[in-house]
Amino acid sequence: MSLDVQHPRSRETSSTNTVYSPDILPRLQSLLADLADIDFACEKKLDAIERGLGDESLKRKMIARLWEYHQERRAPYVAELEELQERIRAGFD
């Protein structure tokens, strides 16, 4: 069964009614994709540490280091997301 879904033209956007700079959306998508990649890589490493054999104390230290490294890697992306958020908010003022 095929559904023919039609969207009203009023939902279409044009450059004349865009509230924020057109470069924001692609950059936002890119930043979110980068953060997802960073998070996924961290989860894989965390899983490997947790499943690994060895001293639990050493595992906890490795996890703590991994968490610090993860936060350091994310920080510039999060900062740029915050800047984009401010640019978007400024468009509504």
C-alpha atoms as a PDB file:
ATOM      1  CA  MET A   1       0.000   0.000   0.000  1.00  0.00           C
ATOM      2  CA  SER A   2       1.474   3.302  -1.062  1.00  0.00           C
ATOM      3  CA  LEU A   3       0.830   6.517   0.801  1.00  0.00           C
ATOM      4  CA  ASP A   4       1.011   9.807  -1.015  1.00  0.00           C
ATOM      5  CA  VAL A   5       2.018  12.322   1.614  1.00  0.00           C
ATOM      6  CA  GLN A   6       1.896  15.951   0.611  1.00  0.00           C
ATOM      7  CA  HIS A   7       3.269  18.769   2.688  1.00  0.00           C
ATOM      8  CA  PRO A   8       1.767  22.230   2.543  1.00  0.00           C
ATOM      9  CA  ARG A   9       3.881  24.821   0.780  1.00  0.00           C
ATOM     10  CA  SER A  10       3.848  27.000   3.869  1.00  0.00           C
ATOM     11  CA  ARG A  11       6.363  24.634   5.449  1.00  0.00           C
ATOM     12  CA  GLU A  12       8.915  25.200   2.702  1.00  0.00           C
ATOM     13  CA  THR A  13      11.731  27.511   3.641  1.00  0.00           C
ATOM     14  CA  SER A  14      13.476  30.008   1.492  1.00  0.00           C
ATOM     15  CA  SER A  15      16.481  32.182   2.012  1.00  0.00           C
ATOM     16  CA  THR A  16      14.191  35.179   2.509  1.00  0.00           C
ATOM     17  CA  ASN A  17      12.520  33.800   5.640  1.00  0.00           C
ATOM     18  CA  THR A  18      15.460  32.031   7.254  1.00  0.00           C
ATOM     19  CA  VAL A  19      15.993  33.344  10.757  1.00  0.00           C
ATOM     20  CA  TYR A  20      19.648  32.384  11.003  1.00  0.00           C
ATOM     21  CA  SER A  21      22.617  32.247   8.690  1.00  0.00           C
ATOM     22  CA  PRO A  22      22.423  29.398   6.155  1.00  0.00           C
ATOM     23  CA  ASP A  23      25.827  28.112   7.230  1.00  0.00           C
ATOM     24  CA  ILE A  24      24.560  27.231  10.715  1.00  0.00           C
ATOM     25  CA  LEU A  25      22.523  24.117   9.879  1.00  0.00           C
ATOM     26  CA  PRO A  26      25.291  22.254   8.000  1.00  0.00           C
ATOM     27  CA  ARG A  27      27.802  23.145  10.725  1.00  0.00           C
ATOM     28  CA  LEU A  28      25.371  22.053  13.425  1.00  0.00           C
ATOM     29  CA  GLN A  29      24.821  18.724  11.677  1.00  0.00           C
ATOM     30  CA  SER A  30      28.560  18.254  11.249  1.00  0.00           C
ATOM     31  CA  LEU A  31      29.286  19.013  14.909  1.00  0.00           C
ATOM     32  CA  LEU A  32      26.590  16.617  16.087  1.00  0.00           C
ATOM     33  CA  ALA A  33      27.918  13.884  13.796  1.00  0.00           C
ATOM     34  CA  ASP A  34      31.448  14.453  15.103  1.00  0.00           C
ATOM     35  CA  LEU A  35      30.227  14.237  18.696  1.00  0.00           C
ATOM     36  CA  ALA A  36      28.340  11.044  17.916  1.00  0.00           C
ATOM     37  CA  ASP A  37      31.530   9.543  16.460  1.00  0.00           C
ATOM     38  CA  ILE A  38      33.518  10.564  19.542  1.00  0.00           C
ATOM     39  CA  ASP A  39      30.863   9.118  21.862  1.00  0.00           C
ATOM     40  CA  PHE A  40      30.678   5.871  19.892  1.00  0.00           C
ATOM     41  CA  ALA A  41      34.465   5.430  19.968  1.00  0.00           C
ATOM     42  CA  CYS A  42      34.472   6.028  23.720  1.00  0.00           C
ATOM     43  CA  GLU A  43      31.691   3.488  24.256  1.00  0.00           C
ATOM     44  CA  LYS A  44      33.641   0.884  22.282  1.00  0.00           C
ATOM     45  CA  LYS A  45      36.782   1.495  24.353  1.00  0.00           C
ATOM     46  CA  LEU A  46      34.791   1.454  27.578  1.00  0.00           C
ATOM     47  CA  ASP A  47      33.178  -1.832  26.611  1.00  0.00           C
ATOM     48  CA  ALA A  48      36.579  -3.341  25.797  1.00  0.00           C
ATOM     49  CA  ILE A  49      37.972  -2.259  29.169  1.00  0.00           C
ATOM     50  CA  GLU A  50      34.988  -3.593  31.079  1.00  0.00           C
ATOM     51  CA  ARG A  51      35.039  -6.951  29.267  1.00  0.00           C
ATOM     52  CA  GLY A  52      38.786  -7.326  29.571  1.00  0.00           C
ATOM     53  CA  LEU A  53      40.490  -9.554  32.044  1.00  0.00           C
ATOM     54  CA  GLY A  54      42.568  -7.955  34.687  1.00  0.00           C
ATOM     55  CA  ASP A  55      42.715  -6.112  37.928  1.00  0.00           C
ATOM     56  CA  GLU A  56      39.537  -4.174  38.742  1.00  0.00           C
ATOM     57  CA  SER A  57      41.570  -1.345  40.236  1.00  0.00           C
ATOM     58  CA  LEU A  58      43.501  -0.969  36.986  1.00  0.00           C
ATOM     59  CA  LYS A  59      40.247  -1.054  35.026  1.00  0.00           C
ATOM     60  CA  ARG A  60      38.834   1.779  37.149  1.00  0.00           C
ATOM     61  CA  LYS A  61      41.961   3.854  36.493  1.00  0.00           C
ATOM     62  CA  MET A  62      41.753   3.150  32.774  1.00  0.00           C
ATOM     63  CA  ILE A  63      38.079   4.112  32.736  1.00  0.00           C
ATOM     64  CA  ALA A  64      38.831   7.339  34.610  1.00  0.00           C
ATOM     65  CA  ARG A  65      41.563   8.209  32.066  1.00  0.00           C
ATOM     66  CA  LEU A  66      39.251   7.313  29.206  1.00  0.00           C
ATOM     67  CA  TRP A  67      36.533   9.583  30.634  1.00  0.00           C
ATOM     68  CA  GLU A  68      38.993  12.497  30.970  1.00  0.00           C
ATOM     69  CA  TYR A  69      40.222  11.982  27.418  1.00  0.00           C
ATOM     70  CA  HIS A  70      36.640  11.737  26.188  1.00  0.00           C
ATOM     71  CA  GLN A  71      35.715  15.044  27.830  1.00  0.00           C
ATOM     72  CA  GLU A  72      38.826  16.722  26.398  1.00  0.00           C
ATOM     73  CA  ARG A  73      37.972  15.510  22.885  1.00  0.00           C
ATOM     74  CA  ARG A  74      34.354  16.678  23.192  1.00  0.00           C
ATOM     75  CA  ALA A  75      35.107  20.100  24.686  1.00  0.00           C
ATOM     76  CA  PRO A  76      35.891  22.044  21.486  1.00  0.00           C
ATOM     77  CA  TYR A  77      32.815  20.630  19.738  1.00  0.00           C
ATOM     78  CA  VAL A  78      30.555  21.448  22.669  1.00  0.00           C
ATOM     79  CA  ALA A  79      32.010  24.963  22.828  1.00  0.00           C
ATOM     80  CA  GLU A  80      31.298  25.482  19.142  1.00  0.00           C
ATOM     81  CA  LEU A  81      27.756  24.167  19.606  1.00  0.00           C
ATOM     82  CA  GLU A  82      27.261  26.732  22.358  1.00  0.00           C
ATOM     83  CA  GLU A  83      28.519  29.462  20.010  1.00  0.00           C
ATOM     84  CA  LEU A  84      26.074  28.339  17.326  1.00  0.00           C
ATOM     85  CA  GLN A  85      23.285  28.353  19.881  1.00  0.00           C
ATOM     86  CA  GLU A  86      24.114  31.960  20.733  1.00  0.00           C
ATOM     87  CA  ARG A  87      24.114  32.892  17.033  1.00  0.00           C
ATOM     88  CA  ILE A  88      20.698  31.287  16.629  1.00  0.00           C
ATOM     89  CA  ARG A  89      19.343  33.072  19.702  1.00  0.00           C
ATOM     90  CA  ALA A  90      20.731  36.367  18.415  1.00  0.00           C
ATOM     91  CA  GLY A  91      18.650  35.867  15.276  1.00  0.00           C
ATOM     92  CA  PHE A  92      15.493  35.938  17.370  1.00  0.00           C
ATOM     93  CA  ASP A  93      16.314  39.226  19.108  1.00  0.00           C
END
